[in-house]
Amino acid sequence: MSEFKKGDKVTWESHGNTVKGTVEEKITSDTEAAGRTVRASKDDPQYRVVSDKSGNDAVHKPDSLKKKS
């Protein structure tokens, strides 16, 4: 499983497009983020990311994010 930290530059797929953004936080417990309830745990974390283009928040599982080189 991939590990990311705050400030990492990443990409993800959204509606058929590749989106570039930055990791803001690792979520390891159930919380509200990006306008929805996020189910997460230490064993199954999710990451809050911010789009470089729109500035919108999104939450993704680590396997849907790719670190930009």
PDB file of N, CA and C in Angstrom:
ATOM      1  N   MET A   1       0.844  -1.190   0.000  1.00  0.00           N
ATOM      2  CA  MET A   1       0.000   0.000   0.000  1.00  0.00           C
ATOM      3  C   MET A   1       0.885   1.247   0.000  1.00  0.00           C
ATOM      4  N   SER A   2       0.507   2.226  -0.769  1.00  0.00           N
ATOM      5  CA  SER A   2       1.271   3.472  -0.865  1.00  0.00           C
ATOM      6  C   SER A   2       1.067   4.334   0.371  1.00  0.00           C
ATOM      7  N   GLU A   3       2.123   5.003   0.786  1.00  0.00           N
ATOM      8  CA  GLU A   3       2.056   5.965   1.894  1.00  0.00           C
ATOM      9  C   GLU A   3       2.333   7.352   1.330  1.00  0.00           C
ATOM     10  N   PHE A   4       1.547   8.313   1.755  1.00  0.00           N
ATOM     11  CA  PHE A   4       1.735   9.696   1.328  1.00  0.00           C
ATOM     12  C   PHE A   4       1.821  10.564   2.572  1.00  0.00           C
ATOM     13  N   LYS A   5       2.434  11.731   2.412  1.00  0.00           N
ATOM     14  CA  LYS A   5       2.486  12.673   3.527  1.00  0.00           C
ATOM     15  C   LYS A   5       2.058  14.053   3.045  1.00  0.00           C
ATOM     16  N   LYS A   6       1.720  14.912   3.998  1.00  0.00           N
ATOM     17  CA  LYS A   6       1.269  16.264   3.673  1.00  0.00           C
ATOM     18  C   LYS A   6       2.297  16.936   2.777  1.00  0.00           C
ATOM     19  N   GLY A   7       1.809  17.551   1.705  1.00  0.00           N
ATOM     20  CA  GLY A   7       2.686  18.256   0.777  1.00  0.00           C
ATOM     21  C   GLY A   7       3.083  17.449  -0.445  1.00  0.00           C
ATOM     22  N   ASP A   8       2.855  16.119  -0.405  1.00  0.00           N
ATOM     23  CA  ASP A   8       3.186  15.294  -1.570  1.00  0.00           C
ATOM     24  C   ASP A   8       2.333  15.714  -2.765  1.00  0.00           C
ATOM     25  N   LYS A   9       2.964  15.806  -3.928  1.00  0.00           N
ATOM     26  CA  LYS A   9       2.253  16.103  -5.183  1.00  0.00           C
ATOM     27  C   LYS A   9       1.782  14.773  -5.767  1.00  0.00           C
ATOM     28  N   VAL A  10       0.475  14.693  -6.064  1.00  0.00           N
ATOM     29  CA  VAL A  10      -0.112  13.453  -6.551  1.00  0.00           C
ATOM     30  C   VAL A  10      -1.048  13.725  -7.734  1.00  0.00           C
ATOM     31  N   THR A  11      -1.418  12.642  -8.411  1.00  0.00           N
ATOM     32  CA  THR A  11      -2.442  12.712  -9.452  1.00  0.00           C
ATOM     33  C   THR A  11      -3.475  11.630  -9.158  1.00  0.00           C
ATOM     34  N   TRP A  12      -4.706  11.835  -9.688  1.00  0.00           N
ATOM     35  CA  TRP A  12      -5.760  10.838  -9.571  1.00  0.00           C
ATOM     36  C   TRP A  12      -6.708  11.015 -10.734  1.00  0.00           C
ATOM     37  N   GLU A  13      -7.504   9.990 -10.983  1.00  0.00           N
ATOM     38  CA  GLU A  13      -8.481  10.016 -12.073  1.00  0.00           C
ATOM     39  C   GLU A  13      -9.821  10.503 -11.538  1.00  0.00           C
ATOM     40  N   SER A  14     -10.434  11.436 -12.254  1.00  0.00           N
ATOM     41  CA  SER A  14     -11.757  11.940 -11.889  1.00  0.00           C
ATOM     42  C   SER A  14     -12.553  12.179 -13.160  1.00  0.00           C
ATOM     43  N   HIS A  15     -13.618  11.438 -13.335  1.00  0.00           N
ATOM     44  CA  HIS A  15     -14.494  11.584 -14.503  1.00  0.00           C
ATOM     45  C   HIS A  15     -13.713  11.512 -15.814  1.00  0.00           C
ATOM     46  N   GLY A  16     -12.773  10.586 -15.886  1.00  0.00           N
ATOM     47  CA  GLY A  16     -12.017  10.371 -17.110  1.00  0.00           C
ATOM     48  C   GLY A  16     -10.852  11.316 -17.322  1.00  0.00           C
ATOM     49  N   ASN A  17     -10.626  12.226 -16.393  1.00  0.00           N
ATOM     50  CA  ASN A  17      -9.505  13.165 -16.500  1.00  0.00           C
ATOM     51  C   ASN A  17      -8.490  12.901 -15.391  1.00  0.00           C
ATOM     52  N   THR A  18      -7.232  13.215 -15.675  1.00  0.00           N
ATOM     53  CA  THR A  18      -6.202  13.127 -14.650  1.00  0.00           C
ATOM     54  C   THR A  18      -6.119  14.468 -13.937  1.00  0.00           C
ATOM     55  N   VAL A  19      -6.262  14.430 -12.617  1.00  0.00           N
ATOM     56  CA  VAL A  19      -6.241  15.644 -11.800  1.00  0.00           C
ATOM     57  C   VAL A  19      -4.938  15.679 -11.014  1.00  0.00           C
ATOM     58  N   LYS A  20      -4.320  16.861 -10.950  1.00  0.00           N
ATOM     59  CA  LYS A  20      -3.096  17.057 -10.168  1.00  0.00           C
ATOM     60  C   LYS A  20      -3.442  17.798  -8.895  1.00  0.00           C
ATOM     61  N   GLY A  21      -2.778  17.425  -7.814  1.00  0.00           N
ATOM     62  CA  GLY A  21      -3.052  18.108  -6.555  1.00  0.00           C
ATOM     63  C   GLY A  21      -2.018  17.787  -5.495  1.00  0.00           C
ATOM     64  N   THR A  22      -2.358  18.176  -4.263  1.00  0.00           N
ATOM     65  CA  THR A  22      -1.447  18.065  -3.135  1.00  0.00           C
ATOM     66  C   THR A  22      -2.146  17.364  -1.983  1.00  0.00           C
ATOM     67  N   VAL A  23      -1.432  16.448  -1.328  1.00  0.00           N
ATOM     68  CA  VAL A  23      -1.960  15.783  -0.145  1.00  0.00           C
ATOM     69  C   VAL A  23      -2.005  16.782   1.007  1.00  0.00           C
ATOM     70  N   GLU A  24      -3.159  16.901   1.649  1.00  0.00           N
ATOM     71  CA  GLU A  24      -3.326  17.797   2.794  1.00  0.00           C
ATOM     72  C   GLU A  24      -3.265  17.057   4.119  1.00  0.00           C
ATOM     73  N   GLU A  25      -3.837  15.842   4.159  1.00  0.00           N
ATOM     74  CA  GLU A  25      -3.797  15.085   5.409  1.00  0.00           C
ATOM     75  C   GLU A  25      -4.131  13.627   5.166  1.00  0.00           C
ATOM     76  N   LYS A  26      -3.616  12.793   6.084  1.00  0.00           N
ATOM     77  CA  LYS A  26      -3.950  11.381   6.115  1.00  0.00           C
ATOM     78  C   LYS A  26      -5.093  11.226   7.117  1.00  0.00           C
ATOM     79  N   ILE A  27      -6.168  10.565   6.708  1.00  0.00           N
ATOM     80  CA  ILE A  27      -7.326  10.374   7.567  1.00  0.00           C
ATOM     81  C   ILE A  27      -7.322   8.922   8.057  1.00  0.00           C
ATOM     82  N   THR A  28      -7.322   8.749   9.392  1.00  0.00           N
ATOM     83  CA  THR A  28      -7.241   7.405   9.962  1.00  0.00           C
ATOM     84  C   THR A  28      -8.415   7.076  10.884  1.00  0.00           C
ATOM     85  N   SER A  29      -9.463   7.897  10.847  1.00  0.00           N
ATOM     86  CA  SER A  29     -10.681   7.593  11.605  1.00  0.00           C
ATOM     87  C   SER A  29     -11.875   8.176  10.858  1.00  0.00           C
ATOM     88  N   ASP A  30     -13.067   7.685  11.178  1.00  0.00           N
ATOM     89  CA  ASP A  30     -14.265   8.196  10.522  1.00  0.00           C
ATOM     90  C   ASP A  30     -14.397   9.688  10.788  1.00  0.00           C
ATOM     91  N   THR A  31     -14.646  10.473   9.735  1.00  0.00           N
ATOM     92  CA  THR A  31     -14.710  11.926   9.869  1.00  0.00           C
ATOM     93  C   THR A  31     -15.541  12.517   8.734  1.00  0.00           C
ATOM     94  N   GLU A  32     -15.770  13.806   8.799  1.00  0.00           N
ATOM     95  CA  GLU A  32     -16.415  14.537   7.713  1.00  0.00           C
ATOM     96  C   GLU A  32     -15.313  15.268   6.942  1.00  0.00           C
ATOM     97  N   ALA A  33     -15.261  15.060   5.639  1.00  0.00           N
ATOM     98  CA  ALA A  33     -14.271  15.747   4.803  1.00  0.00           C
ATOM     99  C   ALA A  33     -14.794  15.810   3.382  1.00  0.00           C
ATOM    100  N   ALA A  34     -14.453  16.871   2.679  1.00  0.00           N
ATOM    101  CA  ALA A  34     -14.844  17.062   1.277  1.00  0.00           C
ATOM    102  C   ALA A  34     -16.354  16.919   1.102  1.00  0.00           C
ATOM    103  N   GLY A  35     -17.105  17.349   2.126  1.00  0.00           N
ATOM    104  CA  GLY A  35     -18.552  17.362   2.024  1.00  0.00           C
ATOM    105  C   GLY A  35     -19.235  16.012   2.184  1.00  0.00           C
ATOM    106  N   ARG A  36     -18.523  15.035   2.730  1.00  0.00           N
ATOM    107  CA  ARG A  36     -19.138  13.719   2.918  1.00  0.00           C
ATOM    108  C   ARG A  36     -18.533  13.031   4.132  1.00  0.00           C
ATOM    109  N   THR A  37     -19.178  11.949   4.568  1.00  0.00           N
ATOM    110  CA  THR A  37     -18.645  11.139   5.657  1.00  0.00           C
ATOM    111  C   THR A  37     -17.590  10.204   5.087  1.00  0.00           C
ATOM    112  N   VAL A  38     -16.413  10.222   5.685  1.00  0.00           N
ATOM    113  CA  VAL A  38     -15.302   9.386   5.239  1.00  0.00           C
ATOM    114  C   VAL A  38     -15.120   8.259   6.248  1.00  0.00           C
ATOM    115  N   ARG A  39     -15.151   7.033   5.772  1.00  0.00           N
ATOM    116  CA  ARG A  39     -14.907   5.868   6.613  1.00  0.00           C
ATOM    117  C   ARG A  39     -13.438   5.483   6.452  1.00  0.00           C
ATOM    118  N   ALA A  40     -12.679   5.625   7.524  1.00  0.00           N
ATOM    119  CA  ALA A  40     -11.250   5.329   7.460  1.00  0.00           C
ATOM    120  C   ALA A  40     -10.788   4.788   8.804  1.00  0.00           C
ATOM    121  N   SER A  41      -9.647   4.109   8.790  1.00  0.00           N
ATOM    122  CA  SER A  41      -9.037   3.595  10.011  1.00  0.00           C
ATOM    123  C   SER A  41      -7.524   3.579   9.813  1.00  0.00           C
ATOM    124  N   LYS A  42      -6.790   3.262  10.888  1.00  0.00           N
ATOM    125  CA  LYS A  42      -5.331   3.173  10.759  1.00  0.00           C
ATOM    126  C   LYS A  42      -4.938   2.103   9.736  1.00  0.00           C
ATOM    127  N   ASP A  43      -5.707   1.013   9.679  1.00  0.00           N
ATOM    128  CA  ASP A  43      -5.419  -0.068   8.729  1.00  0.00           C
ATOM    129  C   ASP A  43      -5.968   0.199   7.333  1.00  0.00           C
ATOM    130  N   ASP A  44      -6.898   1.133   7.215  1.00  0.00           N
ATOM    131  CA  ASP A  44      -7.529   1.448   5.929  1.00  0.00           C
ATOM    132  C   ASP A  44      -7.671   2.975   5.802  1.00  0.00           C
ATOM    133  N   PRO A  45      -6.518   3.686   5.696  1.00  0.00           N
ATOM    134  CA  PRO A  45      -6.563   5.153   5.682  1.00  0.00           C
ATOM    135  C   PRO A  45      -7.051   5.702   4.352  1.00  0.00           C
ATOM    136  N   GLN A  46      -7.454   6.956   4.379  1.00  0.00           N
ATOM    137  CA  GLN A  46      -7.743   7.701   3.161  1.00  0.00           C
ATOM    138  C   GLN A  46      -6.984   9.026   3.256  1.00  0.00           C
ATOM    139  N   TYR A  47      -6.877   9.716   2.119  1.00  0.00           N
ATOM    140  CA  TYR A  47      -6.121  10.964   2.067  1.00  0.00           C
ATOM    141  C   TYR A  47      -6.982  12.097   1.547  1.00  0.00           C
ATOM    142  N   ARG A  48      -6.935  13.237   2.252  1.00  0.00           N
ATOM    143  CA  ARG A  48      -7.600  14.449   1.749  1.00  0.00           C
ATOM    144  C   ARG A  48      -6.602  15.162   0.860  1.00  0.00           C
ATOM    145  N   VAL A  49      -7.022  15.430  -0.363  1.00  0.00           N
ATOM    146  CA  VAL A  49      -6.174  16.088  -1.352  1.00  0.00           C
ATOM    147  C   VAL A  49      -6.884  17.341  -1.854  1.00  0.00           C
ATOM    148  N   VAL A  50      -6.103  18.291  -2.342  1.00  0.00           N
ATOM    149  CA  VAL A  50      -6.654  19.526  -2.899  1.00  0.00           C
ATOM    150  C   VAL A  50      -6.190  19.635  -4.346  1.00  0.00           C
ATOM    151  N   SER A  51      -7.144  19.847  -5.248  1.00  0.00           N
ATOM    152  CA  SER A  51      -6.845  19.992  -6.671  1.00  0.00           C
ATOM    153  C   SER A  51      -6.061  21.279  -6.916  1.00  0.00           C
ATOM    154  N   ASP A  52      -4.973  21.171  -7.692  1.00  0.00           N
ATOM    155  CA  ASP A  52      -4.194  22.364  -8.065  1.00  0.00           C
ATOM    156  C   ASP A  52      -5.029  23.314  -8.913  1.00  0.00           C
ATOM    157  N   LYS A  53      -5.887  22.761  -9.770  1.00  0.00           N
ATOM    158  CA  LYS A  53      -6.638  23.574 -10.720  1.00  0.00           C
ATOM    159  C   LYS A  53      -7.847  24.258 -10.084  1.00  0.00           C
ATOM    160  N   SER A  54      -8.683  23.466  -9.365  1.00  0.00           N
ATOM    161  CA  SER A  54      -9.935  24.019  -8.845  1.00  0.00           C
ATOM    162  C   SER A  54      -9.852  24.456  -7.386  1.00  0.00           C
ATOM    163  N   GLY A  55      -8.869  23.920  -6.656  1.00  0.00           N
ATOM    164  CA  GLY A  55      -8.786  24.211  -5.226  1.00  0.00           C
ATOM    165  C   GLY A  55      -9.768  23.422  -4.395  1.00  0.00           C
ATOM    166  N   ASN A  56     -10.519  22.503  -5.035  1.00  0.00           N
ATOM    167  CA  ASN A  56     -11.506  21.703  -4.322  1.00  0.00           C
ATOM    168  C   ASN A  56     -10.858  20.568  -3.548  1.00  0.00           C
ATOM    169  N   ASP A  57     -11.460  20.241  -2.408  1.00  0.00           N
ATOM    170  CA  ASP A  57     -11.049  19.089  -1.611  1.00  0.00           C
ATOM    171  C   ASP A  57     -11.630  17.816  -2.209  1.00  0.00           C
ATOM    172  N   ALA A  58     -10.890  16.724  -2.056  1.00  0.00           N
ATOM    173  CA  ALA A  58     -11.387  15.394  -2.397  1.00  0.00           C
ATOM    174  C   ALA A  58     -10.744  14.423  -1.415  1.00  0.00           C
ATOM    175  N   VAL A  59     -11.352  13.275  -1.254  1.00  0.00           N
ATOM    176  CA  VAL A  59     -10.789  12.236  -0.386  1.00  0.00           C
ATOM    177  C   VAL A  59     -10.667  10.965  -1.206  1.00  0.00           C
ATOM    178  N   HIS A  60      -9.472  10.352  -1.140  1.00  0.00           N
ATOM    179  CA  HIS A  60      -9.214   9.147  -1.933  1.00  0.00           C
ATOM    180  C   HIS A  60      -8.485   8.104  -1.115  1.00  0.00           C
ATOM    181  N   LYS A  61      -8.725   6.846  -1.490  1.00  0.00           N
ATOM    182  CA  LYS A  61      -7.945   5.746  -0.926  1.00  0.00           C
ATOM    183  C   LYS A  61      -6.555   5.801  -1.559  1.00  0.00           C
ATOM    184  N   PRO A  62      -5.559   5.297  -0.836  1.00  0.00           N
ATOM    185  CA  PRO A  62      -4.177   5.407  -1.349  1.00  0.00           C
ATOM    186  C   PRO A  62      -3.952   4.742  -2.699  1.00  0.00           C
ATOM    187  N   ASP A  63      -4.678   3.653  -3.001  1.00  0.00           N
ATOM    188  CA  ASP A  63      -4.434   2.980  -4.282  1.00  0.00           C
ATOM    189  C   ASP A  63      -4.976   3.746  -5.483  1.00  0.00           C
ATOM    190  N   SER A  64      -5.753   4.812  -5.246  1.00  0.00           N
ATOM    191  CA  SER A  64      -6.228   5.627  -6.380  1.00  0.00           C
ATOM    192  C   SER A  64      -5.345   6.853  -6.625  1.00  0.00           C
ATOM    193  N   LEU A  65      -4.335   7.043  -5.770  1.00  0.00           N
ATOM    194  CA  LEU A  65      -3.410   8.175  -5.926  1.00  0.00           C
ATOM    195  C   LEU A  65      -2.080   7.696  -6.482  1.00  0.00           C
ATOM    196  N   LYS A  66      -1.462   8.544  -7.306  1.00  0.00           N
ATOM    197  CA  LYS A  66      -0.117   8.271  -7.832  1.00  0.00           C
ATOM    198  C   LYS A  66       0.765   9.452  -7.498  1.00  0.00           C
ATOM    199  N   LYS A  67       1.945   9.167  -6.952  1.00  0.00           N
ATOM    200  CA  LYS A  67       2.891  10.232  -6.633  1.00  0.00           C
ATOM    201  C   LYS A  67       3.479  10.788  -7.913  1.00  0.00           C
ATOM    202  N   LYS A  68       3.500  12.118  -8.034  1.00  0.00           N
ATOM    203  CA  LYS A  68       4.109  12.767  -9.202  1.00  0.00           C
ATOM    204  C   LYS A  68       5.612  12.776  -9.019  1.00  0.00           C
ATOM    205  N   SER A  69       6.326  12.514 -10.106  1.00  0.00           N
ATOM    206  CA  SER A  69       7.787  12.529 -10.012  1.00  0.00           C
ATOM    207  C   SER A  69       8.342  13.887 -10.345  1.00  0.00           C
TER     208      SER A  69
END
